[in-house]
């Protein structure tokens, strides 16, 4: 709630801090905490064909982001 904010351009690359597989059988997916430059952290969907290749600290890049109704979403993939 601070008024000390500024616009910062990012390149969309970061690292995967933590991740977890969804246990909903009708919607299998992986979600993770991604850290970008400037200590920005986002909870995002991780697009990955092989969950076994995911490890903490691996580099990821932004695939897409946007708004779904009034909710923001982010999707990353390993690089």
N, C-alpha and C. Protein backbone atom coordinates (compact mmCIF):
# COMPACT_ATOMS: atom_id res chain seq x y z
N UNK A 1 0.81 -1.18 0.00
CA UNK A 1 0.00 0.00 0.00
C UNK A 1 0.87 1.26 0.00
N UNK A 2 2.09 1.13 -0.44
CA UNK A 2 2.99 2.27 -0.48
C UNK A 2 2.77 3.08 -1.75
N UNK A 3 3.10 4.34 -1.70
CA UNK A 3 3.05 5.17 -2.91
C UNK A 3 4.41 5.22 -3.58
N UNK A 4 5.37 4.47 -3.06
CA UNK A 4 6.71 4.42 -3.64
C UNK A 4 6.78 3.28 -4.65
N UNK A 5 6.18 3.48 -5.81
CA UNK A 5 6.18 2.47 -6.85
C UNK A 5 6.78 3.05 -8.12
N UNK A 6 7.26 2.16 -8.97
CA UNK A 6 7.79 2.59 -10.26
C UNK A 6 7.57 1.49 -11.28
N UNK A 7 7.48 1.87 -12.54
CA UNK A 7 7.34 0.94 -13.64
C UNK A 7 8.70 0.35 -13.97
N UNK A 8 8.79 -0.98 -14.09
CA UNK A 8 10.05 -1.66 -14.38
C UNK A 8 9.82 -2.63 -15.53
N UNK A 9 10.63 -2.50 -16.59
CA UNK A 9 10.56 -3.46 -17.69
C UNK A 9 11.30 -4.73 -17.29
N UNK A 10 10.74 -5.89 -17.65
CA UNK A 10 11.39 -7.17 -17.38
C UNK A 10 11.53 -7.94 -18.68
N UNK A 11 12.47 -8.88 -18.71
CA UNK A 11 12.66 -9.67 -19.93
C UNK A 11 11.89 -10.98 -19.91
N UNK A 12 11.20 -11.28 -18.81
CA UNK A 12 10.38 -12.49 -18.74
C UNK A 12 11.13 -13.74 -18.35
N UNK A 13 12.41 -13.60 -18.00
CA UNK A 13 13.19 -14.76 -17.57
C UNK A 13 13.35 -14.73 -16.06
N UNK A 14 13.37 -15.92 -15.48
CA UNK A 14 13.52 -16.02 -14.04
C UNK A 14 13.95 -17.41 -13.64
N UNK A 15 13.72 -17.74 -12.37
CA UNK A 15 14.06 -19.09 -11.90
C UNK A 15 12.89 -19.62 -11.09
N UNK A 16 12.76 -20.93 -11.13
CA UNK A 16 11.70 -21.63 -10.42
C UNK A 16 12.14 -21.83 -8.98
N UNK A 17 11.40 -21.24 -8.04
CA UNK A 17 11.76 -21.33 -6.62
C UNK A 17 11.17 -22.60 -5.99
N UNK A 18 9.89 -22.81 -6.20
CA UNK A 18 9.18 -23.99 -5.68
C UNK A 18 8.13 -24.39 -6.72
N UNK A 19 7.67 -25.64 -6.66
CA UNK A 19 6.62 -26.07 -7.58
C UNK A 19 5.85 -27.23 -6.97
N UNK A 20 4.65 -27.45 -7.49
CA UNK A 20 3.81 -28.54 -7.03
C UNK A 20 2.88 -28.98 -8.16
N UNK A 21 2.64 -30.25 -8.23
CA UNK A 21 1.71 -30.80 -9.20
C UNK A 21 0.29 -30.71 -8.65
N UNK A 22 -0.65 -30.35 -9.50
CA UNK A 22 -2.05 -30.31 -9.10
C UNK A 22 -2.56 -31.74 -8.98
N UNK A 23 -3.37 -31.99 -7.99
CA UNK A 23 -3.92 -33.32 -7.79
C UNK A 23 -5.38 -33.42 -8.20
N UNK A 24 -5.84 -32.46 -9.01
CA UNK A 24 -7.19 -32.54 -9.56
C UNK A 24 -7.14 -33.41 -10.81
N UNK A 25 -7.79 -34.57 -10.82
CA UNK A 25 -7.67 -35.49 -11.95
C UNK A 25 -8.20 -34.90 -13.26
N UNK A 26 -9.19 -34.03 -13.20
CA UNK A 26 -9.75 -33.47 -14.43
C UNK A 26 -8.91 -32.31 -14.98
N UNK A 27 -7.96 -31.80 -14.20
CA UNK A 27 -7.14 -30.67 -14.66
C UNK A 27 -5.69 -30.86 -14.22
N UNK A 28 -4.99 -31.84 -14.77
CA UNK A 28 -3.60 -32.04 -14.36
C UNK A 28 -2.74 -30.85 -14.79
N UNK A 29 -1.97 -30.31 -13.89
CA UNK A 29 -1.09 -29.19 -14.20
C UNK A 29 -0.07 -29.01 -13.09
N UNK A 30 0.89 -28.15 -13.35
CA UNK A 30 1.95 -27.84 -12.38
C UNK A 30 1.92 -26.34 -12.13
N UNK A 31 2.04 -25.96 -10.87
CA UNK A 31 2.10 -24.56 -10.49
C UNK A 31 3.40 -24.33 -9.74
N UNK A 32 3.91 -23.11 -9.84
CA UNK A 32 5.16 -22.83 -9.15
C UNK A 32 5.31 -21.38 -8.77
N UNK A 33 6.29 -21.14 -7.92
CA UNK A 33 6.68 -19.79 -7.54
C UNK A 33 7.90 -19.44 -8.37
N UNK A 34 7.79 -18.39 -9.16
CA UNK A 34 8.87 -17.97 -10.06
C UNK A 34 9.41 -16.63 -9.57
N UNK A 35 10.74 -16.53 -9.52
CA UNK A 35 11.36 -15.26 -9.15
C UNK A 35 11.98 -14.63 -10.38
N UNK A 36 11.57 -13.40 -10.68
CA UNK A 36 12.11 -12.62 -11.78
C UNK A 36 13.14 -11.63 -11.24
N UNK A 37 13.73 -10.83 -12.13
CA UNK A 37 14.62 -9.76 -11.70
C UNK A 37 13.88 -8.82 -10.75
N UNK A 38 14.61 -8.02 -10.05
CA UNK A 38 14.06 -7.01 -9.14
C UNK A 38 13.27 -7.65 -8.00
N UNK A 39 13.58 -8.92 -7.68
CA UNK A 39 12.93 -9.65 -6.58
C UNK A 39 11.42 -9.74 -6.73
N UNK A 40 10.94 -9.77 -7.97
CA UNK A 40 9.51 -9.96 -8.23
C UNK A 40 9.22 -11.45 -8.20
N UNK A 41 8.24 -11.87 -7.43
CA UNK A 41 7.85 -13.28 -7.35
C UNK A 41 6.39 -13.43 -7.77
N UNK A 42 6.14 -14.43 -8.60
CA UNK A 42 4.80 -14.70 -9.12
C UNK A 42 4.44 -16.15 -8.93
N UNK A 43 3.19 -16.42 -8.64
CA UNK A 43 2.68 -17.79 -8.67
C UNK A 43 2.13 -18.00 -10.07
N UNK A 44 2.59 -19.06 -10.72
CA UNK A 44 2.28 -19.24 -12.13
C UNK A 44 2.08 -20.70 -12.48
N UNK A 45 1.42 -20.92 -13.60
CA UNK A 45 1.32 -22.27 -14.18
C UNK A 45 2.65 -22.54 -14.90
N UNK A 46 3.16 -23.76 -14.75
CA UNK A 46 4.41 -24.15 -15.39
C UNK A 46 4.07 -25.15 -16.49
N UNK A 47 4.34 -24.78 -17.74
CA UNK A 47 4.10 -25.66 -18.88
C UNK A 47 5.31 -26.58 -19.04
N UNK A 48 5.08 -27.88 -18.88
CA UNK A 48 6.18 -28.83 -18.93
C UNK A 48 5.65 -30.20 -19.33
N UNK A 49 6.25 -30.78 -20.36
CA UNK A 49 5.82 -32.11 -20.81
C UNK A 49 6.26 -33.21 -19.84
N UNK A 50 7.40 -33.00 -19.19
CA UNK A 50 7.96 -34.00 -18.28
C UNK A 50 8.21 -33.37 -16.91
N UNK A 51 7.32 -33.62 -15.97
CA UNK A 51 7.43 -33.03 -14.64
C UNK A 51 8.75 -33.44 -13.97
N UNK A 52 9.29 -34.58 -14.36
CA UNK A 52 10.53 -35.05 -13.75
C UNK A 52 11.72 -34.15 -14.07
N UNK A 53 11.62 -33.33 -15.14
CA UNK A 53 12.73 -32.44 -15.47
C UNK A 53 12.72 -31.17 -14.61
N UNK A 54 11.64 -30.92 -13.88
CA UNK A 54 11.56 -29.73 -13.04
C UNK A 54 12.38 -29.91 -11.78
N UNK A 55 13.13 -28.88 -11.46
CA UNK A 55 13.92 -28.85 -10.24
C UNK A 55 13.95 -27.42 -9.74
N UNK A 56 14.16 -27.25 -8.46
CA UNK A 56 14.29 -25.91 -7.90
C UNK A 56 15.47 -25.20 -8.55
N UNK A 57 15.31 -23.90 -8.77
CA UNK A 57 16.35 -23.01 -9.28
C UNK A 57 16.59 -23.13 -10.79
N UNK A 58 15.83 -23.96 -11.52
CA UNK A 58 16.06 -24.02 -12.97
C UNK A 58 15.55 -22.73 -13.61
N UNK A 59 16.16 -22.31 -14.72
CA UNK A 59 15.70 -21.10 -15.40
C UNK A 59 14.38 -21.36 -16.14
N UNK A 60 13.53 -20.36 -16.13
CA UNK A 60 12.25 -20.42 -16.82
C UNK A 60 12.04 -19.11 -17.58
N UNK A 61 11.11 -19.15 -18.54
CA UNK A 61 10.77 -17.91 -19.26
C UNK A 61 9.26 -17.80 -19.38
N UNK A 62 8.82 -16.58 -19.47
CA UNK A 62 7.40 -16.28 -19.57
C UNK A 62 6.87 -16.68 -20.94
N UNK A 63 5.82 -17.49 -20.96
CA UNK A 63 5.15 -17.86 -22.21
C UNK A 63 4.02 -16.90 -22.53
N UNK A 64 3.18 -16.64 -21.54
CA UNK A 64 2.05 -15.74 -21.73
C UNK A 64 1.58 -15.24 -20.38
N UNK A 65 0.92 -14.12 -20.43
CA UNK A 65 0.29 -13.57 -19.23
C UNK A 65 -0.90 -12.73 -19.68
N UNK A 66 -1.77 -12.45 -18.79
CA UNK A 66 -2.94 -11.66 -19.14
C UNK A 66 -3.93 -11.62 -18.00
N UNK A 67 -5.15 -11.29 -18.37
CA UNK A 67 -6.23 -11.21 -17.40
C UNK A 67 -7.33 -12.17 -17.81
N UNK A 68 -7.84 -12.91 -16.85
CA UNK A 68 -8.99 -13.79 -17.05
C UNK A 68 -10.09 -13.22 -16.17
N UNK A 69 -11.05 -12.56 -16.80
CA UNK A 69 -12.02 -11.73 -16.08
C UNK A 69 -11.22 -10.63 -15.39
N UNK A 70 -11.18 -10.59 -14.09
CA UNK A 70 -10.37 -9.56 -13.41
C UNK A 70 -9.17 -10.18 -12.70
N UNK A 71 -8.85 -11.44 -13.01
CA UNK A 71 -7.75 -12.14 -12.36
C UNK A 71 -6.54 -12.24 -13.29
N UNK A 72 -5.36 -11.83 -12.84
CA UNK A 72 -4.17 -11.99 -13.68
C UNK A 72 -3.72 -13.45 -13.72
N UNK A 73 -3.10 -13.85 -14.83
CA UNK A 73 -2.51 -15.19 -14.91
C UNK A 73 -1.14 -15.10 -15.57
N UNK A 74 -0.28 -16.07 -15.24
CA UNK A 74 1.07 -16.14 -15.79
C UNK A 74 1.36 -17.60 -16.11
N UNK A 75 2.06 -17.82 -17.22
CA UNK A 75 2.50 -19.17 -17.59
C UNK A 75 3.96 -19.12 -17.99
N UNK A 76 4.75 -20.02 -17.43
CA UNK A 76 6.18 -20.10 -17.71
C UNK A 76 6.53 -21.49 -18.22
N UNK A 77 7.71 -21.59 -18.84
CA UNK A 77 8.24 -22.89 -19.26
C UNK A 77 9.74 -22.94 -18.95
N UNK A 78 10.26 -24.14 -18.71
CA UNK A 78 11.70 -24.28 -18.48
C UNK A 78 12.47 -23.92 -19.75
N UNK A 79 13.67 -23.36 -19.57
CA UNK A 79 14.55 -23.08 -20.72
C UNK A 79 15.88 -23.75 -20.54
